[in-house]
Amino acid sequence: RHQLLSVARTFLDLTDRRLDRIATQLPVEFGSDGKEFKRDYSVNLSPGGVFVATQAVMPVDTTLSLRFQFPDNGRRLACRGRVAWLNHAAADKKPHLPTGMGIQFASLAEEQLNIVRGYLAGSMT
């Protein structure tokens, strides 16, 4: 399903809105290929991914290591993701969002997914 949607998004500019996306500002650390982690902030989060506001955008399809700390319970989440799309001056897809990148989570374990869902459920109340 994820591979099919990824290909469809590439060619048809589709988005998957079955996953709840919640506006939230969390510190996010990200890096690729063992390089030093950068730190910026999320704009929104869903069980499928995160949009990170950053001037340090990386090319689409870059694999990243991500780290989050959730304020509600102090739990940390470390996972992998893939840059799915960019929002910047040369490719301003969503003018209501700042410069940054949409990152799709890659294979979250059930426990990791439950951390994200628990945070989102608490944010919606």
PDB file of N, CA and C in Angstrom:
ATOM      1  N   ARG A   1       0.818  -1.195   0.000  1.00  0.00           N
ATOM      2  CA  ARG A   1       0.000   0.000   0.000  1.00  0.00           C
ATOM      3  C   ARG A   1       0.860   1.257   0.000  1.00  0.00           C
ATOM      4  N   HIS A   2       1.888   1.275   0.876  1.00  0.00           N
ATOM      5  CA  HIS A   2       2.746   2.458   0.952  1.00  0.00           C
ATOM      6  C   HIS A   2       3.511   2.678  -0.345  1.00  0.00           C
ATOM      7  N   GLN A   3       3.999   1.600  -0.967  1.00  0.00           N
ATOM      8  CA  GLN A   3       4.725   1.744  -2.225  1.00  0.00           C
ATOM      9  C   GLN A   3       3.808   2.248  -3.327  1.00  0.00           C
ATOM     10  N   LEU A   4       2.600   1.710  -3.406  1.00  0.00           N
ATOM     11  CA  LEU A   4       1.649   2.154  -4.418  1.00  0.00           C
ATOM     12  C   LEU A   4       1.323   3.631  -4.241  1.00  0.00           C
ATOM     13  N   LEU A   5       1.036   4.040  -3.005  1.00  0.00           N
ATOM     14  CA  LEU A   5       0.727   5.451  -2.752  1.00  0.00           C
ATOM     15  C   LEU A   5       1.917   6.344  -3.058  1.00  0.00           C
ATOM     16  N   SER A   6       3.119   5.883  -2.760  1.00  0.00           N
ATOM     17  CA  SER A   6       4.313   6.667  -3.041  1.00  0.00           C
ATOM     18  C   SER A   6       4.453   6.927  -4.542  1.00  0.00           C
ATOM     19  N   VAL A   7       4.263   5.884  -5.338  1.00  0.00           N
ATOM     20  CA  VAL A   7       4.348   6.043  -6.794  1.00  0.00           C
ATOM     21  C   VAL A   7       3.214   6.936  -7.295  1.00  0.00           C
ATOM     22  N   ALA A   8       2.004   6.725  -6.791  1.00  0.00           N
ATOM     23  CA  ALA A   8       0.861   7.541  -7.209  1.00  0.00           C
ATOM     24  C   ALA A   8       1.076   9.007  -6.849  1.00  0.00           C
ATOM     25  N   ARG A   9       1.614   9.273  -5.652  1.00  0.00           N
ATOM     26  CA  ARG A   9       1.879  10.653  -5.246  1.00  0.00           C
ATOM     27  C   ARG A   9       2.874  11.316  -6.187  1.00  0.00           C
ATOM     28  N   THR A  10       3.887  10.568  -6.589  1.00  0.00           N
ATOM     29  CA  THR A  10       4.917  11.105  -7.466  1.00  0.00           C
ATOM     30  C   THR A  10       4.320  11.575  -8.786  1.00  0.00           C
ATOM     31  N   PHE A  11       3.439  10.756  -9.363  1.00  0.00           N
ATOM     32  CA  PHE A  11       2.915  11.065 -10.686  1.00  0.00           C
ATOM     33  C   PHE A  11       1.614  11.862 -10.677  1.00  0.00           C
ATOM     34  N   LEU A  12       0.854  11.744  -9.623  1.00  0.00           N
ATOM     35  CA  LEU A  12      -0.463  12.383  -9.601  1.00  0.00           C
ATOM     36  C   LEU A  12      -0.610  13.466  -8.547  1.00  0.00           C
ATOM     37  N   ASP A  13       0.439  13.729  -7.778  1.00  0.00           N
ATOM     38  CA  ASP A  13       0.400  14.714  -6.702  1.00  0.00           C
ATOM     39  C   ASP A  13      -0.758  14.441  -5.747  1.00  0.00           C
ATOM     40  N   LEU A  14      -0.886  13.162  -5.319  1.00  0.00           N
ATOM     41  CA  LEU A  14      -1.942  12.748  -4.393  1.00  0.00           C
ATOM     42  C   LEU A  14      -1.444  12.793  -2.958  1.00  0.00           C
ATOM     43  N   THR A  15      -2.371  12.911  -2.036  1.00  0.00           N
ATOM     44  CA  THR A  15      -2.039  12.781  -0.628  1.00  0.00           C
ATOM     45  C   THR A  15      -2.993  11.783  -0.001  1.00  0.00           C
ATOM     46  N   ASP A  16      -2.537  11.103   1.028  1.00  0.00           N
ATOM     47  CA  ASP A  16      -3.345  10.116   1.732  1.00  0.00           C
ATOM     48  C   ASP A  16      -3.901  10.768   2.986  1.00  0.00           C
ATOM     49  N   ARG A  17      -5.179  11.068   3.011  1.00  0.00           N
ATOM     50  CA  ARG A  17      -5.783  11.745   4.151  1.00  0.00           C
ATOM     51  C   ARG A  17      -6.494  10.782   5.084  1.00  0.00           C
ATOM     52  N   ARG A  18      -6.260   9.469   4.919  1.00  0.00           N
ATOM     53  CA  ARG A  18      -6.859   8.516   5.847  1.00  0.00           C
ATOM     54  C   ARG A  18      -6.191   8.590   7.211  1.00  0.00           C
ATOM     55  N   LEU A  19      -4.965   9.089   7.263  1.00  0.00           N
ATOM     56  CA  LEU A  19      -4.247   9.192   8.520  1.00  0.00           C
ATOM     57  C   LEU A  19      -4.430  10.600   9.080  1.00  0.00           C
ATOM     58  N   ASP A  20      -4.893  10.683  10.331  1.00  0.00           N
ATOM     59  CA  ASP A  20      -5.116  11.988  10.941  1.00  0.00           C
ATOM     60  C   ASP A  20      -3.809  12.756  11.046  1.00  0.00           C
ATOM     61  N   ARG A  21      -3.838  13.996  10.610  1.00  0.00           N
ATOM     62  CA  ARG A  21      -2.687  14.878  10.677  1.00  0.00           C
ATOM     63  C   ARG A  21      -3.039  15.985  11.670  1.00  0.00           C
ATOM     64  N   ILE A  22      -2.217  16.123  12.694  1.00  0.00           N
ATOM     65  CA  ILE A  22      -2.484  17.078  13.761  1.00  0.00           C
ATOM     66  C   ILE A  22      -1.395  18.140  13.768  1.00  0.00           C
ATOM     67  N   ALA A  23      -1.788  19.392  13.837  1.00  0.00           N
ATOM     68  CA  ALA A  23      -0.814  20.477  13.967  1.00  0.00           C
ATOM     69  C   ALA A  23      -0.157  20.372  15.339  1.00  0.00           C
ATOM     70  N   THR A  24       1.163  20.294  15.362  1.00  0.00           N
ATOM     71  CA  THR A  24       1.896  20.196  16.625  1.00  0.00           C
ATOM     72  C   THR A  24       3.331  20.639  16.410  1.00  0.00           C
ATOM     73  N   GLN A  25       3.867  21.326  17.387  1.00  0.00           N
ATOM     74  CA  GLN A  25       5.251  21.782  17.306  1.00  0.00           C
ATOM     75  C   GLN A  25       6.091  20.989  18.303  1.00  0.00           C
ATOM     76  N   LEU A  26       6.837  20.028  17.767  1.00  0.00           N
ATOM     77  CA  LEU A  26       7.730  19.195  18.565  1.00  0.00           C
ATOM     78  C   LEU A  26       9.158  19.387  18.069  1.00  0.00           C
ATOM     79  N   PRO A  27      10.139  19.368  18.973  1.00  0.00           N
ATOM     80  CA  PRO A  27      11.518  19.373  18.481  1.00  0.00           C
ATOM     81  C   PRO A  27      11.798  18.062  17.748  1.00  0.00           C
ATOM     82  N   VAL A  28      12.432  18.168  16.592  1.00  0.00           N
ATOM     83  CA  VAL A  28      12.772  17.005  15.774  1.00  0.00           C
ATOM     84  C   VAL A  28      14.254  17.089  15.434  1.00  0.00           C
ATOM     85  N   GLU A  29      14.957  16.008  15.675  1.00  0.00           N
ATOM     86  CA  GLU A  29      16.348  15.907  15.245  1.00  0.00           C
ATOM     87  C   GLU A  29      16.373  14.966  14.048  1.00  0.00           C
ATOM     88  N   PHE A  30      17.140  15.333  13.016  1.00  0.00           N
ATOM     89  CA  PHE A  30      17.199  14.499  11.820  1.00  0.00           C
ATOM     90  C   PHE A  30      18.587  14.568  11.197  1.00  0.00           C
ATOM     91  N   GLY A  31      18.956  13.471  10.548  1.00  0.00           N
ATOM     92  CA  GLY A  31      20.243  13.403   9.876  1.00  0.00           C
ATOM     93  C   GLY A  31      20.274  12.234   8.917  1.00  0.00           C
ATOM     94  N   SER A  32      21.249  12.265   8.014  1.00  0.00           N
ATOM     95  CA  SER A  32      21.390  11.166   7.050  1.00  0.00           C
ATOM     96  C   SER A  32      22.845  10.760   6.925  1.00  0.00           C
ATOM     97  N   ASP A  33      23.058   9.519   6.584  1.00  0.00           N
ATOM     98  CA  ASP A  33      24.396   8.991   6.312  1.00  0.00           C
ATOM     99  C   ASP A  33      25.404   9.274   7.418  1.00  0.00           C
ATOM    100  N   GLY A  34      24.982   9.152   8.664  1.00  0.00           N
ATOM    101  CA  GLY A  34      25.903   9.336   9.777  1.00  0.00           C
ATOM    102  C   GLY A  34      26.364  10.768   9.985  1.00  0.00           C
ATOM    103  N   LYS A  35      25.769  11.718   9.250  1.00  0.00           N
ATOM    104  CA  LYS A  35      26.146  13.120   9.421  1.00  0.00           C
ATOM    105  C   LYS A  35      25.541  13.655  10.712  1.00  0.00           C
ATOM    106  N   GLU A  36      26.063  14.773  11.154  1.00  0.00           N
ATOM    107  CA  GLU A  36      25.572  15.406  12.380  1.00  0.00           C
ATOM    108  C   GLU A  36      24.071  15.688  12.272  1.00  0.00           C
ATOM    109  N   PHE A  37      23.373  15.442  13.365  1.00  0.00           N
ATOM    110  CA  PHE A  37      21.934  15.694  13.387  1.00  0.00           C
ATOM    111  C   PHE A  37      21.659  17.194  13.407  1.00  0.00           C
ATOM    112  N   LYS A  38      20.623  17.582  12.676  1.00  0.00           N
ATOM    113  CA  LYS A  38      20.117  18.956  12.720  1.00  0.00           C
ATOM    114  C   LYS A  38      18.892  18.943  13.608  1.00  0.00           C
ATOM    115  N   ARG A  39      18.549  20.097  14.156  1.00  0.00           N
ATOM    116  CA  ARG A  39      17.387  20.185  15.042  1.00  0.00           C
ATOM    117  C   ARG A  39      16.484  21.311  14.574  1.00  0.00           C
ATOM    118  N   ASP A  40      15.228  20.945  14.298  1.00  0.00           N
ATOM    119  CA  ASP A  40      14.206  21.922  13.950  1.00  0.00           C
ATOM    120  C   ASP A  40      12.896  21.470  14.570  1.00  0.00           C
ATOM    121  N   TYR A  41      11.770  21.916  14.025  1.00  0.00           N
ATOM    122  CA  TYR A  41      10.482  21.636  14.656  1.00  0.00           C
ATOM    123  C   TYR A  41       9.463  21.099  13.672  1.00  0.00           C
ATOM    124  N   SER A  42       8.596  20.238  14.195  1.00  0.00           N
ATOM    125  CA  SER A  42       7.491  19.740  13.382  1.00  0.00           C
ATOM    126  C   SER A  42       6.437  20.834  13.252  1.00  0.00           C
ATOM    127  N   VAL A  43       5.673  20.748  12.184  1.00  0.00           N
ATOM    128  CA  VAL A  43       4.508  21.608  11.985  1.00  0.00           C
ATOM    129  C   VAL A  43       3.251  20.774  12.172  1.00  0.00           C
ATOM    130  N   ASN A  44       3.314  19.542  11.671  1.00  0.00           N
ATOM    131  CA  ASN A  44       2.207  18.611  11.865  1.00  0.00           C
ATOM    132  C   ASN A  44       2.751  17.195  11.905  1.00  0.00           C
ATOM    133  N   LEU A  45       1.918  16.285  12.418  1.00  0.00           N
ATOM    134  CA  LEU A  45       2.339  14.913  12.647  1.00  0.00           C
ATOM    135  C   LEU A  45       1.155  13.988  12.409  1.00  0.00           C
ATOM    136  N   SER A  46       1.425  12.823  11.843  1.00  0.00           N
ATOM    137  CA  SER A  46       0.408  11.780  11.686  1.00  0.00           C
ATOM    138  C   SER A  46       1.095  10.443  11.926  1.00  0.00           C
ATOM    139  N   PRO A  47       0.325   9.365  12.019  1.00  0.00           N
ATOM    140  CA  PRO A  47       0.965   8.056  12.158  1.00  0.00           C
ATOM    141  C   PRO A  47       1.817   7.685  10.942  1.00  0.00           C
ATOM    142  N   GLY A  48       1.627   8.393   9.838  1.00  0.00           N
ATOM    143  CA  GLY A  48       2.369   8.093   8.617  1.00  0.00           C
ATOM    144  C   GLY A  48       3.596   8.944   8.389  1.00  0.00           C
ATOM    145  N   GLY A  49       3.696  10.083   9.096  1.00  0.00           N
ATOM    146  CA  GLY A  49       4.840  10.945   8.862  1.00  0.00           C
ATOM    147  C   GLY A  49       4.738  12.278   9.567  1.00  0.00           C
ATOM    148  N   VAL A  50       5.665  13.164   9.206  1.00  0.00           N
ATOM    149  CA  VAL A  50       5.789  14.450   9.872  1.00  0.00           C
ATOM    150  C   VAL A  50       6.229  15.502   8.853  1.00  0.00           C
ATOM    151  N   PHE A  51       5.749  16.730   9.025  1.00  0.00           N
ATOM    152  CA  PHE A  51       6.293  17.845   8.249  1.00  0.00           C
ATOM    153  C   PHE A  51       7.202  18.624   9.183  1.00  0.00           C
ATOM    154  N   VAL A  52       8.464  18.790   8.763  1.00  0.00           N
ATOM    155  CA  VAL A  52       9.460  19.497   9.568  1.00  0.00           C
ATOM    156  C   VAL A  52       9.760  20.834   8.923  1.00  0.00           C
ATOM    157  N   ALA A  53       9.594  21.911   9.674  1.00  0.00           N
ATOM    158  CA  ALA A  53       9.968  23.247   9.218  1.00  0.00           C
ATOM    159  C   ALA A  53      11.476  23.374   9.371  1.00  0.00           C
ATOM    160  N   THR A  54      12.175  23.549   8.250  1.00  0.00           N
ATOM    161  CA  THR A  54      13.628  23.649   8.285  1.00  0.00           C
ATOM    162  C   THR A  54      14.152  24.316   7.028  1.00  0.00           C
ATOM    163  N   GLN A  55      15.232  25.050   7.164  1.00  0.00           N
ATOM    164  CA  GLN A  55      15.931  25.585   6.003  1.00  0.00           C
ATOM    165  C   GLN A  55      16.882  24.533   5.432  1.00  0.00           C
ATOM    166  N   ALA A  56      17.154  23.492   6.198  1.00  0.00           N
ATOM    167  CA  ALA A  56      18.103  22.439   5.815  1.00  0.00           C
ATOM    168  C   ALA A  56      17.383  21.308   5.088  1.00  0.00           C
ATOM    169  N   VAL A  57      16.623  21.653   4.033  1.00  0.00           N
ATOM    170  CA  VAL A  57      15.892  20.626   3.299  1.00  0.00           C
ATOM    171  C   VAL A  57      16.872  19.690   2.593  1.00  0.00           C
ATOM    172  N   MET A  58      16.465  18.443   2.481  1.00  0.00           N
ATOM    173  CA  MET A  58      17.268  17.422   1.818  1.00  0.00           C
ATOM    174  C   MET A  58      16.491  16.920   0.614  1.00  0.00           C
ATOM    175  N   PRO A  59      17.164  16.346  -0.352  1.00  0.00           N
ATOM    176  CA  PRO A  59      16.469  15.906  -1.573  1.00  0.00           C
ATOM    177  C   PRO A  59      15.379  14.866  -1.300  1.00  0.00           C
ATOM    178  N   VAL A  60      14.355  14.892  -2.132  1.00  0.00           N
ATOM    179  CA  VAL A  60      13.294  13.884  -2.062  1.00  0.00           C
ATOM    180  C   VAL A  60      13.928  12.503  -2.178  1.00  0.00           C
ATOM    181  N   ASP A  61      13.404  11.569  -1.430  1.00  0.00           N
ATOM    182  CA  ASP A  61      13.846  10.169  -1.337  1.00  0.00           C
ATOM    183  C   ASP A  61      15.081   9.972  -0.466  1.00  0.00           C
ATOM    184  N   THR A  62      15.585  11.037   0.174  1.00  0.00           N
ATOM    185  CA  THR A  62      16.685  10.867   1.123  1.00  0.00           C
ATOM    186  C   THR A  62      16.178  10.113   2.335  1.00  0.00           C
ATOM    187  N   THR A  63      16.904   9.094   2.759  1.00  0.00           N
ATOM    188  CA  THR A  63      16.563   8.352   3.968  1.00  0.00           C
ATOM    189  C   THR A  63      17.172   9.068   5.165  1.00  0.00           C
ATOM    190  N   LEU A  64      16.363   9.285   6.187  1.00  0.00           N
ATOM    191  CA  LEU A  64      16.789  10.021   7.373  1.00  0.00           C
ATOM    192  C   LEU A  64      16.621   9.199   8.639  1.00  0.00           C
ATOM    193  N   SER A  65      17.447   9.485   9.613  1.00  0.00           N
ATOM    194  CA  SER A  65      17.224   9.029  10.985  1.00  0.00           C
ATOM    195  C   SER A  65      16.529  10.179  11.696  1.00  0.00           C
ATOM    196  N   LEU A  66      15.496   9.869  12.458  1.00  0.00           N
ATOM    197  CA  LEU A  66      14.693  10.884  13.153  1.00  0.00           C
ATOM    198  C   LEU A  66      14.657  10.583  14.639  1.00  0.00           C
ATOM    199  N   ARG A  67      14.610  11.652  15.436  1.00  0.00           N
ATOM    200  CA  ARG A  67      14.445  11.506  16.886  1.00  0.00           C
ATOM    201  C   ARG A  67      13.456  12.566  17.368  1.00  0.00           C
ATOM    202  N   PHE A  68      12.503  12.123  18.188  1.00  0.00           N
ATOM    203  CA  PHE A  68      11.490  12.990  18.787  1.00  0.00           C
ATOM    204  C   PHE A  68      11.464  12.740  20.289  1.00  0.00           C
ATOM    205  N   GLN A  69      11.065  13.761  21.041  1.00  0.00           N
ATOM    206  CA  GLN A  69      10.719  13.547  22.446  1.00  0.00           C
ATOM    207  C   GLN A  69       9.348  14.160  22.651  1.00  0.00           C
ATOM    208  N   PHE A  70       8.426  13.336  23.134  1.00  0.00           N
ATOM    209  CA  PHE A  70       7.048  13.784  23.303  1.00  0.00           C
ATOM    210  C   PHE A  70       6.871  14.393  24.682  1.00  0.00           C
ATOM    211  N   PRO A  71       6.312  15.600  24.771  1.00  0.00           N
ATOM    212  CA  PRO A  71       6.216  16.305  26.049  1.00  0.00           C
ATOM    213  C   PRO A  71       5.208  15.716  27.025  1.00  0.00           C
ATOM    214  N   ASP A  72       4.201  15.007  26.516  1.00  0.00           N
ATOM    215  CA  ASP A  72       3.148  14.530  27.400  1.00  0.00           C
ATOM    216  C   ASP A  72       3.615  13.422  28.338  1.00  0.00           C
ATOM    217  N   ASN A  73       4.536  12.585  27.868  1.00  0.00           N
ATOM    218  CA  ASN A  73       4.967  11.475  28.717  1.00  0.00           C
ATOM    219  C   ASN A  73       6.488  11.324  28.751  1.00  0.00           C
ATOM    220  N   GLY A  74       7.201  12.215  28.085  1.00  0.00           N
ATOM    221  CA  GLY A  74       8.656  12.173  28.088  1.00  0.00           C
ATOM    222  C   GLY A  74       9.246  11.043  27.275  1.00  0.00           C
ATOM    223  N   ARG A  75       8.400  10.298  26.575  1.00  0.00           N
ATOM    224  CA  ARG A  75       8.907   9.179  25.774  1.00  0.00           C
ATOM    225  C   ARG A  75       9.644   9.695  24.554  1.00  0.00           C
ATOM    226  N   ARG A  76      10.699   8.973  24.197  1.00  0.00           N
ATOM    227  CA  ARG A  76      11.481   9.301  23.009  1.00  0.00           C
ATOM    228  C   ARG A  76      11.149   8.310  21.904  1.00  0.00           C
ATOM    229  N   LEU A  77      11.233   8.796  20.692  1.00  0.00           N
ATOM    230  CA  LEU A  77      11.018   7.954  19.531  1.00  0.00           C
ATOM    231  C   LEU A  77      12.178   8.168  18.576  1.00  0.00           C
ATOM    232  N   ALA A  78      12.846   7.101  18.217  1.00  0.00           N
ATOM    233  CA  ALA A  78      13.892   7.126  17.197  1.00  0.00           C
ATOM    234  C   ALA A  78      13.435   6.206  16.076  1.00  0.00           C
ATOM    235  N   CYS A  79      13.438   6.716  14.845  1.00  0.00           N
ATOM    236  CA  CYS A  79      12.974   5.920  13.723  1.00  0.00           C
ATOM    237  C   CYS A  79      13.645   6.391  12.439  1.00  0.00           C
ATOM    238  N   ARG A  80      13.286   5.735  11.357  1.00  0.00           N
ATOM    239  CA  ARG A  80      13.781   6.101  10.044  1.00  0.00           C
ATOM    240  C   ARG A  80      12.627   6.698   9.256  1.00  0.00           C
ATOM    241  N   GLY A  81      12.972   7.515   8.289  1.00  0.00           N
ATOM    242  CA  GLY A  81      11.968   8.112   7.423  1.00  0.00           C
ATOM    243  C   GLY A  81      12.570   8.419   6.064  1.00  0.00           C
ATOM    244  N   ARG A  82      11.697   8.826   5.162  1.00  0.00           N
ATOM    245  CA  ARG A  82      12.104   9.175   3.806  1.00  0.00           C
ATOM    246  C   ARG A  82      11.512  10.521   3.456  1.00  0.00           C
ATOM    247  N   VAL A  83      12.330  11.418   2.900  1.00  0.00           N
ATOM    248  CA  VAL A  83      11.821  12.709   2.456  1.00  0.00           C
ATOM    249  C   VAL A  83      10.863  12.441   1.299  1.00  0.00           C
ATOM    250  N   ALA A  84       9.584  12.742   1.513  1.00  0.00           N
ATOM    251  CA  ALA A  84       8.544  12.466   0.519  1.00  0.00           C
ATOM    252  C   ALA A  84       8.292  13.660  -0.386  1.00  0.00           C
ATOM    253  N   TRP A  85       8.414  14.877   0.165  1.00  0.00           N
ATOM    254  CA  TRP A  85       8.192  16.082  -0.634  1.00  0.00           C
ATOM    255  C   TRP A  85       8.804  17.287   0.063  1.00  0.00           C
ATOM    256  N   LEU A  86       9.005  18.344  -0.707  1.00  0.00           N
ATOM    257  CA  LEU A  86       9.627  19.565  -0.194  1.00  0.00           C
ATOM    258  C   LEU A  86       8.699  20.749  -0.357  1.00  0.00           C
ATOM    259  N   ASN A  87       8.853  21.695   0.530  1.00  0.00           N
ATOM    260  CA  ASN A  87       8.158  22.975   0.432  1.00  0.00           C
ATOM    261  C   ASN A  87       9.230  24.049   0.612  1.00  0.00           C
ATOM    262  N   HIS A  88       9.603  24.699  -0.473  1.00  0.00           N
ATOM    263  CA  HIS A  88      10.593  25.780  -0.415  1.00  0.00           C
ATOM    264  C   HIS A  88      10.373  26.706  -1.605  1.00  0.00           C
ATOM    265  N   ALA A  89      11.150  27.771  -1.680  1.00  0.00           N
ATOM    266  CA  ALA A  89      10.929  28.811  -2.688  1.00  0.00           C
ATOM    267  C   ALA A  89      10.856  28.256  -4.109  1.00  0.00           C
ATOM    268  N   ALA A  90      11.688  27.276  -4.432  1.00  0.00           N
ATOM    269  CA  ALA A  90      11.703  26.724  -5.787  1.00  0.00           C
ATOM    270  C   ALA A  90      10.564  25.723  -6.021  1.00  0.00           C
ATOM    271  N   ALA A  91       9.968  25.203  -4.972  1.00  0.00           N
ATOM    272  CA  ALA A  91       8.897  24.202  -5.106  1.00  0.00           C
ATOM    273  C   ALA A  91       7.880  24.407  -3.999  1.00  0.00           C
ATOM    274  N   ASP A  92       7.223  25.539  -4.002  1.00  0.00           N
ATOM    275  CA  ASP A  92       6.268  25.889  -2.947  1.00  0.00           C
ATOM    276  C   ASP A  92       4.938  25.189  -3.204  1.00  0.00           C
ATOM    277  N   LYS A  93       4.826  23.922  -2.748  1.00  0.00           N
ATOM    278  CA  LYS A  93       3.624  23.127  -2.979  1.00  0.00           C
ATOM    279  C   LYS A  93       2.462  23.580  -2.106  1.00  0.00           C
ATOM    280  N   LYS A  94       2.782  23.994  -0.874  1.00  0.00           N
ATOM    281  CA  LYS A  94       1.734  24.362   0.079  1.00  0.00           C
ATOM    282  C   LYS A  94       2.103  25.702   0.703  1.00  0.00           C
ATOM    283  N   PRO A  95       1.608  26.791   0.126  1.00  0.00           N
ATOM    284  CA  PRO A  95       2.000  28.127   0.597  1.00  0.00           C
ATOM    285  C   PRO A  95       1.672  28.406   2.063  1.00  0.00           C
ATOM    286  N   HIS A  96       0.725  27.666   2.649  1.00  0.00           N
ATOM    287  CA  HIS A  96       0.375  27.881   4.051  1.00  0.00           C
ATOM    288  C   HIS A  96       1.404  27.263   5.000  1.00  0.00           C
ATOM    289  N   LEU A  97       2.335  26.463   4.464  1.00  0.00           N
ATOM    290  CA  LEU A  97       3.374  25.843   5.286  1.00  0.00           C
ATOM    291  C   LEU A  97       4.704  26.569   5.088  1.00  0.00           C
ATOM    292  N   PRO A  98       5.549  26.551   6.111  1.00  0.00           N
ATOM    293  CA  PRO A  98       6.875  27.166   5.976  1.00  0.00           C
ATOM    294  C   PRO A  98       7.793  26.296   5.114  1.00  0.00           C
ATOM    295  N   THR A  99       8.971  26.794   4.845  1.00  0.00           N
ATOM    296  CA  THR A  99       9.984  25.995   4.161  1.00  0.00           C
ATOM    297  C   THR A  99      10.269  24.753   5.001  1.00  0.00           C
ATOM    298  N   GLY A 100      10.330  23.614   4.345  1.00  0.00           N
ATOM    299  CA  GLY A 100      10.593  22.384   5.078  1.00  0.00           C
ATOM    300  C   GLY A 100      10.384  21.167   4.218  1.00  0.00           C
ATOM    301  N   MET A 101      10.216  20.033   4.885  1.00  0.00           N
ATOM    302  CA  MET A 101      10.071  18.779   4.156  1.00  0.00           C
ATOM    303  C   MET A 101       9.058  17.862   4.827  1.00  0.00           C
ATOM    304  N   GLY A 102       8.295  17.186   3.987  1.00  0.00           N
ATOM    305  CA  GLY A 102       7.381  16.162   4.440  1.00  0.00           C
ATOM    306  C   GLY A 102       8.136  14.847   4.484  1.00  0.00           C
ATOM    307  N   ILE A 103       8.132  14.209   5.635  1.00  0.00           N
ATOM    308  CA  ILE A 103       8.894  12.982   5.825  1.00  0.00           C
ATOM    309  C   ILE A 103       7.928  11.846   6.135  1.00  0.00           C
ATOM    310  N   GLN A 104       8.007  10.792   5.345  1.00  0.00           N
ATOM    311  CA  GLN A 104       7.186   9.601   5.556  1.00  0.00           C
ATOM    312  C   GLN A 104       7.951   8.647   6.457  1.00  0.00           C
ATOM    313  N   PHE A 105       7.298   8.184   7.529  1.00  0.00           N
ATOM    314  CA  PHE A 105       7.934   7.201   8.408  1.00  0.00           C
ATOM    315  C   PHE A 105       8.149   5.897   7.642  1.00  0.00           C
ATOM    316  N   ALA A 106       9.243   5.228   7.962  1.00  0.00           N
ATOM    317  CA  ALA A 106       9.552   3.943   7.325  1.00  0.00           C
ATOM    318  C   ALA A 106       9.437   2.837   8.369  1.00  0.00           C
ATOM    319  N   SER A 107       8.479   1.974   8.187  1.00  0.00           N
ATOM    320  CA  SER A 107       8.346   0.757   8.984  1.00  0.00           C
ATOM    321  C   SER A 107       8.410   0.988  10.488  1.00  0.00           C
ATOM    322  N   LEU A 108       7.491   1.769  11.018  1.00  0.00           N
ATOM    323  CA  LEU A 108       7.437   1.931  12.469  1.00  0.00           C
ATOM    324  C   LEU A 108       7.021   0.614  13.104  1.00  0.00           C
ATOM    325  N   ALA A 109       7.710   0.231  14.146  1.00  0.00           N
ATOM    326  CA  ALA A 109       7.302  -0.935  14.927  1.00  0.00           C
ATOM    327  C   ALA A 109       5.995  -0.597  15.640  1.00  0.00           C
ATOM    328  N   GLU A 110       5.238  -1.608  16.014  1.00  0.00           N
ATOM    329  CA  GLU A 110       3.942  -1.383  16.666  1.00  0.00           C
ATOM    330  C   GLU A 110       4.077  -0.493  17.902  1.00  0.00           C
ATOM    331  N   GLU A 111       5.097  -0.709  18.711  1.00  0.00           N
ATOM    332  CA  GLU A 111       5.309   0.112  19.907  1.00  0.00           C
ATOM    333  C   GLU A 111       5.563   1.570  19.532  1.00  0.00           C
ATOM    334  N   GLN A 112       6.333   1.804  18.482  1.00  0.00           N
ATOM    335  CA  GLN A 112       6.604   3.173  18.029  1.00  0.00           C
ATOM    336  C   GLN A 112       5.330   3.830  17.507  1.00  0.00           C
ATOM    337  N   LEU A 113       4.568   3.082  16.739  1.00  0.00           N
ATOM    338  CA  LEU A 113       3.308   3.594  16.209  1.00  0.00           C
ATOM    339  C   LEU A 113       2.343   3.934  17.342  1.00  0.00           C
ATOM    340  N   ASN A 114       2.333   3.129  18.387  1.00  0.00           N
ATOM    341  CA  ASN A 114       1.473   3.403  19.541  1.00  0.00           C
ATOM    342  C   ASN A 114       1.898   4.680  20.265  1.00  0.00           C
ATOM    343  N   ILE A 115       3.188   4.975  20.309  1.00  0.00           N
ATOM    344  CA  ILE A 115       3.663   6.226  20.915  1.00  0.00           C
ATOM    345  C   ILE A 115       3.106   7.416  20.147  1.00  0.00           C
ATOM    346  N   VAL A 116       3.203   7.350  18.811  1.00  0.00           N
ATOM    347  CA  VAL A 116       2.696   8.442  17.966  1.00  0.00           C
ATOM    348  C   VAL A 116       1.186   8.566  18.115  1.00  0.00           C
ATOM    349  N   ARG A 117       0.481   7.454  18.015  1.00  0.00           N
ATOM    350  CA  ARG A 117      -0.984   7.493  18.135  1.00  0.00           C
ATOM    351  C   ARG A 117      -1.429   8.003  19.501  1.00  0.00           C
ATOM    352  N   GLY A 118      -0.733   7.583  20.547  1.00  0.00           N
ATOM    353  CA  GLY A 118      -1.074   8.058  21.891  1.00  0.00           C
ATOM    354  C   GLY A 118      -0.898   9.561  22.023  1.00  0.00           C
ATOM    355  N   TYR A 119       0.184  10.078  21.474  1.00  0.00           N
ATOM    356  CA  TYR A 119       0.407  11.528  21.511  1.00  0.00           C
ATOM    357  C   TYR A 119      -0.680  12.253  20.716  1.00  0.00           C
ATOM    358  N   LEU A 120      -0.985  11.746  19.528  1.00  0.00           N
ATOM    359  CA  LEU A 120      -2.006  12.388  18.697  1.00  0.00           C
ATOM    360  C   LEU A 120      -3.373  12.346  19.367  1.00  0.00           C
ATOM    361  N   ALA A 121      -3.716  11.237  19.984  1.00  0.00           N
ATOM    362  CA  ALA A 121      -5.006  11.118  20.675  1.00  0.00           C
ATOM    363  C   ALA A 121      -5.099  12.132  21.804  1.00  0.00           C
ATOM    364  N   GLY A 122      -4.014  12.331  22.534  1.00  0.00           N
ATOM    365  CA  GLY A 122      -3.986  13.314  23.611  1.00  0.00           C
ATOM    366  C   GLY A 122      -4.058  14.735  23.092  1.00  0.00           C
ATOM    367  N   SER A 123      -3.546  14.978  21.878  1.00  0.00           N
ATOM    368  CA  SER A 123      -3.549  16.313  21.289  1.00  0.00           C
ATOM    369  C   SER A 123      -4.907  16.693  20.751  1.00  0.00           C
ATOM    370  N   MET A 124      -5.745  15.685  20.471  1.00  0.00           N
ATOM    371  CA  MET A 124      -7.064  15.969  19.881  1.00  0.00           C
ATOM    372  C   MET A 124      -8.108  16.229  20.957  1.00  0.00           C
ATOM    373  N   THR A 125      -7.800  15.990  22.226  1.00  0.00           N
ATOM    374  CA  THR A 125      -8.827  16.168  23.261  1.00  0.00           C
ATOM    375  C   THR A 125      -8.808  17.568  23.798  1.00  0.00           C
TER     376      THR A 125
END
